[in-house]
């Protein structure tokens, strides 16, 4: 086998990550788990599977561009001063670096992600 194809099963076992943004939690205890399957400096992207317990995080400025595809649960985004969006299983979205607002998960949520740094 080669390293050219990297399957990411939706049921993959995840590693405990804790809280990525502990000072920004405003609801619940969104403890995170995940597995990164691709993190290549040349592409400036990280790809993997992520899960969080229910909770909400208030972002003054989202730290990177990210593509998300919801596997299970729900993600609600409420932009400071404006729009709101809700995403469930099968939905995909991009959140851009600098987003200001609330990222809420009313239930345990699992997603595929592509973080784009650069």
N, C-alpha and C. Protein backbone atom coordinates (compact mmCIF):
# COMPACT_ATOMS: atom_id res chain seq x y z
N UNK A 1 0.84 -1.19 0.00
CA UNK A 1 0.00 0.00 0.00
C UNK A 1 0.88 1.24 0.00
N UNK A 2 0.33 2.30 -0.55
CA UNK A 2 1.05 3.56 -0.60
C UNK A 2 0.39 4.57 0.33
N UNK A 3 1.00 5.72 0.45
CA UNK A 3 0.42 6.80 1.24
C UNK A 3 -0.34 7.80 0.37
N UNK A 4 -0.73 7.39 -0.83
CA UNK A 4 -1.41 8.30 -1.74
C UNK A 4 -2.91 8.39 -1.51
N UNK A 5 -3.48 7.40 -0.87
CA UNK A 5 -4.90 7.40 -0.56
C UNK A 5 -5.06 7.22 0.94
N UNK A 6 -5.76 8.15 1.57
CA UNK A 6 -5.91 8.15 3.03
C UNK A 6 -7.40 8.12 3.39
N UNK A 7 -7.98 6.94 3.56
CA UNK A 7 -9.39 6.87 3.94
C UNK A 7 -9.62 7.52 5.32
N UNK A 8 -10.77 8.16 5.48
CA UNK A 8 -11.15 8.74 6.76
C UNK A 8 -12.56 8.26 7.09
N UNK A 9 -12.68 7.09 7.72
CA UNK A 9 -14.02 6.58 8.04
C UNK A 9 -14.73 7.51 9.03
N UNK A 10 -16.02 7.75 8.83
CA UNK A 10 -16.79 8.60 9.72
C UNK A 10 -16.83 8.05 11.14
N UNK A 11 -16.60 6.75 11.29
CA UNK A 11 -16.62 6.12 12.61
C UNK A 11 -15.21 5.94 13.20
N UNK A 12 -14.21 6.59 12.62
CA UNK A 12 -12.82 6.43 13.08
C UNK A 12 -12.69 6.77 14.56
N UNK A 13 -11.80 6.05 15.23
CA UNK A 13 -11.48 6.35 16.62
C UNK A 13 -10.77 7.70 16.68
N UNK A 14 -11.11 8.49 17.70
CA UNK A 14 -10.56 9.83 17.82
C UNK A 14 -9.72 9.94 19.09
N UNK A 15 -8.73 10.82 19.07
CA UNK A 15 -7.90 11.09 20.24
C UNK A 15 -8.48 12.26 21.02
N UNK A 16 -8.38 12.21 22.34
CA UNK A 16 -8.84 13.29 23.21
C UNK A 16 -7.97 14.52 22.98
N UNK A 17 -8.59 15.68 22.73
CA UNK A 17 -7.85 16.92 22.48
C UNK A 17 -8.04 17.96 23.57
N UNK A 18 -9.07 17.83 24.37
CA UNK A 18 -9.36 18.85 25.39
C UNK A 18 -10.14 20.00 24.79
N UNK A 19 -9.79 21.23 25.18
CA UNK A 19 -10.46 22.43 24.69
C UNK A 19 -9.46 23.27 23.90
N UNK A 20 -9.77 23.54 22.64
CA UNK A 20 -8.86 24.35 21.81
C UNK A 20 -8.91 25.83 22.19
N UNK A 21 -10.07 26.30 22.63
CA UNK A 21 -10.24 27.73 22.93
C UNK A 21 -10.90 27.89 24.31
N UNK A 22 -10.25 27.46 25.39
CA UNK A 22 -10.91 27.43 26.70
C UNK A 22 -11.39 28.80 27.19
N UNK A 23 -10.70 29.87 26.86
CA UNK A 23 -11.08 31.20 27.32
C UNK A 23 -12.26 31.78 26.54
N UNK A 24 -12.68 31.11 25.47
CA UNK A 24 -13.76 31.61 24.63
C UNK A 24 -15.05 30.81 24.78
N UNK A 25 -15.05 29.79 25.64
CA UNK A 25 -16.25 28.98 25.85
C UNK A 25 -17.29 29.81 26.61
N UNK A 26 -18.50 29.88 26.06
CA UNK A 26 -19.57 30.65 26.70
C UNK A 26 -20.77 29.78 27.10
N UNK A 27 -20.81 28.52 26.64
CA UNK A 27 -21.87 27.59 27.00
C UNK A 27 -21.30 26.18 27.05
N UNK A 28 -21.76 25.38 28.01
CA UNK A 28 -21.42 23.97 28.06
C UNK A 28 -19.96 23.69 28.31
N UNK A 29 -19.55 22.49 27.93
CA UNK A 29 -18.18 22.02 28.09
C UNK A 29 -17.76 21.32 26.80
N UNK A 30 -17.48 22.10 25.73
CA UNK A 30 -17.22 21.49 24.42
C UNK A 30 -15.84 20.84 24.31
N UNK A 31 -15.67 19.75 25.07
CA UNK A 31 -14.42 18.99 25.02
C UNK A 31 -14.31 18.34 23.65
N UNK A 32 -13.12 18.43 23.05
CA UNK A 32 -12.91 17.99 21.68
C UNK A 32 -12.09 16.70 21.58
N UNK A 33 -12.36 15.98 20.50
CA UNK A 33 -11.58 14.81 20.11
C UNK A 33 -11.35 14.90 18.62
N UNK A 34 -10.31 14.27 18.12
CA UNK A 34 -10.09 14.33 16.69
C UNK A 34 -8.95 13.47 16.23
N UNK A 35 -8.80 13.39 14.93
CA UNK A 35 -7.68 12.71 14.30
C UNK A 35 -7.33 13.49 13.04
N UNK A 36 -6.06 13.86 12.93
CA UNK A 36 -5.58 14.54 11.74
C UNK A 36 -4.94 13.50 10.84
N UNK A 37 -5.41 13.40 9.61
CA UNK A 37 -4.87 12.40 8.68
C UNK A 37 -3.94 13.00 7.65
N UNK A 38 -3.98 14.32 7.53
CA UNK A 38 -3.07 15.00 6.59
C UNK A 38 -2.72 16.36 7.17
N UNK A 39 -1.44 16.61 7.35
CA UNK A 39 -0.96 17.90 7.82
C UNK A 39 0.37 18.14 7.13
N UNK A 40 0.31 18.76 5.99
CA UNK A 40 1.48 18.88 5.14
C UNK A 40 1.86 20.35 5.00
N UNK A 41 3.07 20.69 5.41
CA UNK A 41 3.53 22.08 5.39
C UNK A 41 3.44 22.70 4.00
N UNK A 42 3.77 21.95 2.97
CA UNK A 42 3.78 22.49 1.61
C UNK A 42 2.38 22.91 1.15
N UNK A 43 1.35 22.17 1.57
CA UNK A 43 -0.02 22.51 1.16
C UNK A 43 -0.65 23.51 2.12
N UNK A 44 -0.05 23.72 3.27
CA UNK A 44 -0.56 24.62 4.30
C UNK A 44 -2.00 24.27 4.69
N UNK A 45 -2.28 22.97 4.72
CA UNK A 45 -3.62 22.50 5.07
C UNK A 45 -3.54 21.32 6.01
N UNK A 46 -4.55 21.23 6.88
CA UNK A 46 -4.71 20.08 7.77
C UNK A 46 -6.09 19.48 7.49
N UNK A 47 -6.17 18.16 7.44
CA UNK A 47 -7.41 17.47 7.12
C UNK A 47 -7.64 16.37 8.15
N UNK A 48 -8.89 16.22 8.59
CA UNK A 48 -9.17 15.16 9.54
C UNK A 48 -10.63 15.08 9.91
N UNK A 49 -10.85 14.41 11.03
CA UNK A 49 -12.17 14.17 11.59
C UNK A 49 -12.16 14.73 13.00
N UNK A 50 -13.19 15.43 13.40
CA UNK A 50 -13.25 16.15 14.67
C UNK A 50 -14.61 15.96 15.31
N UNK A 51 -14.63 15.95 16.64
CA UNK A 51 -15.88 15.82 17.38
C UNK A 51 -15.80 16.69 18.62
N UNK A 52 -16.96 17.24 19.01
CA UNK A 52 -17.03 18.04 20.23
C UNK A 52 -18.31 17.74 20.98
N UNK A 53 -18.20 17.82 22.30
CA UNK A 53 -19.40 17.77 23.14
C UNK A 53 -20.17 19.07 22.93
N UNK A 54 -21.41 19.11 23.41
CA UNK A 54 -22.25 20.29 23.26
C UNK A 54 -21.62 21.50 23.95
N UNK A 55 -21.83 22.67 23.34
CA UNK A 55 -21.34 23.91 23.92
C UNK A 55 -21.26 24.99 22.87
N UNK A 56 -20.75 26.15 23.28
CA UNK A 56 -20.63 27.27 22.36
C UNK A 56 -19.33 28.02 22.63
N UNK A 57 -18.75 28.52 21.55
CA UNK A 57 -17.50 29.26 21.60
C UNK A 57 -17.73 30.59 20.90
N UNK A 58 -17.29 31.67 21.55
CA UNK A 58 -17.42 33.01 21.00
C UNK A 58 -16.09 33.41 20.38
N UNK A 59 -16.09 33.61 19.08
CA UNK A 59 -14.86 33.97 18.36
C UNK A 59 -14.81 35.46 18.08
N UNK A 60 -13.75 36.11 18.53
CA UNK A 60 -13.49 37.51 18.19
C UNK A 60 -12.91 37.57 16.78
N UNK A 61 -12.21 36.48 16.39
CA UNK A 61 -11.65 36.38 15.04
C UNK A 61 -11.27 34.93 14.79
N UNK A 62 -12.02 34.25 13.91
CA UNK A 62 -11.73 32.84 13.62
C UNK A 62 -10.31 32.73 13.07
N UNK A 63 -9.52 31.74 13.53
CA UNK A 63 -8.08 31.76 13.26
C UNK A 63 -7.61 31.29 11.88
N UNK A 64 -8.49 30.70 11.05
CA UNK A 64 -8.07 30.20 9.73
C UNK A 64 -9.31 29.98 8.88
N UNK A 65 -9.11 29.79 7.57
CA UNK A 65 -10.21 29.37 6.70
C UNK A 65 -10.42 27.88 6.93
N UNK A 66 -11.68 27.44 6.93
CA UNK A 66 -11.96 26.03 7.18
C UNK A 66 -13.16 25.56 6.38
N UNK A 67 -13.01 24.41 5.73
CA UNK A 67 -14.12 23.70 5.10
C UNK A 67 -14.59 22.67 6.10
N UNK A 68 -15.91 22.57 6.32
CA UNK A 68 -16.49 21.61 7.26
C UNK A 68 -17.60 20.83 6.58
N UNK A 69 -17.68 19.54 6.87
CA UNK A 69 -18.77 18.69 6.43
C UNK A 69 -19.29 17.94 7.65
N UNK A 70 -20.52 18.22 8.04
CA UNK A 70 -21.09 17.66 9.27
C UNK A 70 -21.45 16.19 9.06
N UNK A 71 -20.95 15.34 9.94
CA UNK A 71 -21.25 13.91 9.93
C UNK A 71 -22.46 13.63 10.81
N UNK A 72 -22.44 14.18 12.03
CA UNK A 72 -23.55 14.00 12.97
C UNK A 72 -23.61 15.22 13.89
N UNK A 73 -24.79 15.44 14.45
CA UNK A 73 -24.97 16.57 15.34
C UNK A 73 -25.42 17.82 14.60
N UNK A 74 -25.07 18.98 15.15
CA UNK A 74 -25.52 20.24 14.57
C UNK A 74 -24.54 21.35 14.92
N UNK A 75 -24.29 22.22 13.95
CA UNK A 75 -23.47 23.41 14.15
C UNK A 75 -24.32 24.61 13.80
N UNK A 76 -24.37 25.57 14.71
CA UNK A 76 -25.08 26.82 14.48
C UNK A 76 -24.06 27.95 14.55
N UNK A 77 -24.02 28.79 13.53
CA UNK A 77 -23.13 29.94 13.49
C UNK A 77 -23.97 31.20 13.55
N UNK A 78 -23.61 32.10 14.45
CA UNK A 78 -24.30 33.38 14.58
C UNK A 78 -23.25 34.47 14.46
N UNK A 79 -23.29 35.16 13.34
CA UNK A 79 -22.29 36.19 13.06
C UNK A 79 -22.59 37.47 13.85
N UNK A 80 -21.54 38.06 14.40
CA UNK A 80 -21.69 39.30 15.13
C UNK A 80 -22.35 40.35 14.23
N UNK A 81 -23.46 40.89 14.70
CA UNK A 81 -24.15 41.93 13.95
C UNK A 81 -24.96 41.47 12.76
N UNK A 82 -25.22 40.15 12.66
CA UNK A 82 -25.98 39.78 11.47
C UNK A 82 -26.42 38.35 11.39
N UNK A 83 -26.06 37.72 10.27
CA UNK A 83 -26.62 36.44 9.86
C UNK A 83 -26.42 35.28 10.81
N UNK A 84 -27.26 34.27 10.60
CA UNK A 84 -27.12 33.01 11.33
C UNK A 84 -27.37 31.85 10.37
N UNK A 85 -26.69 30.75 10.62
CA UNK A 85 -26.77 29.56 9.78
C UNK A 85 -26.83 28.33 10.67
N UNK A 86 -27.51 27.29 10.18
CA UNK A 86 -27.56 26.01 10.87
C UNK A 86 -27.17 24.89 9.92
N UNK A 87 -26.36 23.96 10.40
CA UNK A 87 -25.87 22.86 9.58
C UNK A 87 -26.04 21.55 10.33
N UNK A 88 -26.51 20.52 9.61
CA UNK A 88 -26.68 19.19 10.17
C UNK A 88 -26.02 18.15 9.30
N UNK A 89 -26.24 16.87 9.60
CA UNK A 89 -25.59 15.79 8.84
C UNK A 89 -25.80 15.93 7.33
N UNK A 90 -24.69 15.84 6.61
CA UNK A 90 -24.72 15.96 5.16
C UNK A 90 -24.48 17.37 4.65
N UNK A 91 -24.57 18.36 5.53
CA UNK A 91 -24.33 19.74 5.13
C UNK A 91 -22.84 20.05 5.16
N UNK A 92 -22.44 20.96 4.31
CA UNK A 92 -21.04 21.41 4.25
C UNK A 92 -21.02 22.93 4.16
N UNK A 93 -19.94 23.52 4.67
CA UNK A 93 -19.80 24.98 4.62
C UNK A 93 -18.34 25.36 4.76
N UNK A 94 -18.07 26.59 4.41
CA UNK A 94 -16.75 27.19 4.63
C UNK A 94 -16.93 28.34 5.60
N UNK A 95 -16.08 28.39 6.60
CA UNK A 95 -16.03 29.52 7.52
C UNK A 95 -14.69 30.20 7.28
N UNK A 96 -14.73 31.50 7.06
CA UNK A 96 -13.52 32.21 6.68
C UNK A 96 -12.79 32.78 7.90
N UNK A 97 -11.48 32.84 7.76
CA UNK A 97 -10.63 33.44 8.77
C UNK A 97 -11.18 34.85 9.06
N UNK A 98 -11.24 35.18 10.34
CA UNK A 98 -11.73 36.49 10.75
C UNK A 98 -13.20 36.52 11.14
N UNK A 99 -13.96 35.40 10.91
CA UNK A 99 -15.36 35.35 11.34
C UNK A 99 -15.46 35.79 12.79
N UNK A 100 -16.42 36.66 13.06
CA UNK A 100 -16.66 37.13 14.43
C UNK A 100 -18.06 36.70 14.82
N UNK A 101 -18.15 35.89 15.87
CA UNK A 101 -19.46 35.46 16.32
C UNK A 101 -19.41 34.16 17.09
N UNK A 102 -20.57 33.55 17.21
CA UNK A 102 -20.78 32.37 18.03
C UNK A 102 -20.80 31.10 17.19
N UNK A 103 -20.05 30.09 17.63
CA UNK A 103 -20.07 28.74 17.05
C UNK A 103 -20.72 27.87 18.12
N UNK A 104 -21.95 27.42 17.86
CA UNK A 104 -22.70 26.66 18.86
C UNK A 104 -22.96 25.24 18.35
N UNK A 105 -22.84 24.29 19.28
CA UNK A 105 -23.19 22.89 19.02
C UNK A 105 -24.17 22.47 20.12
N UNK A 106 -25.47 22.41 19.82
CA UNK A 106 -26.45 22.06 20.85
C UNK A 106 -26.37 20.60 21.30
N UNK A 107 -25.72 19.76 20.50
CA UNK A 107 -25.53 18.34 20.82
C UNK A 107 -24.10 17.95 20.40
N UNK A 108 -23.66 16.80 20.84
CA UNK A 108 -22.36 16.30 20.40
C UNK A 108 -22.33 16.29 18.87
N UNK A 109 -21.26 16.82 18.30
CA UNK A 109 -21.18 17.02 16.86
C UNK A 109 -19.86 16.47 16.31
N UNK A 110 -19.95 15.82 15.14
CA UNK A 110 -18.77 15.27 14.46
C UNK A 110 -18.73 15.84 13.05
N UNK A 111 -17.53 16.23 12.60
CA UNK A 111 -17.38 16.80 11.27
C UNK A 111 -16.05 16.41 10.66
N UNK A 112 -16.02 16.39 9.33
CA UNK A 112 -14.76 16.36 8.59
C UNK A 112 -14.33 17.81 8.45
N UNK A 113 -13.03 18.04 8.44
CA UNK A 113 -12.55 19.40 8.29
C UNK A 113 -11.32 19.47 7.38
N UNK A 114 -11.17 20.64 6.78
CA UNK A 114 -9.96 21.01 6.06
C UNK A 114 -9.62 22.41 6.55
N UNK A 115 -8.57 22.53 7.35
CA UNK A 115 -8.09 23.84 7.79
C UNK A 115 -7.07 24.33 6.78
N UNK A 116 -7.26 25.58 6.34
CA UNK A 116 -6.37 26.15 5.34
C UNK A 116 -5.61 27.32 5.98
N UNK A 117 -4.31 27.14 6.14
CA UNK A 117 -3.45 28.12 6.79
C UNK A 117 -2.63 28.83 5.72
N UNK A 118 -2.75 30.12 5.68
CA UNK A 118 -1.91 30.82 4.73
C UNK A 118 -2.50 31.99 4.07
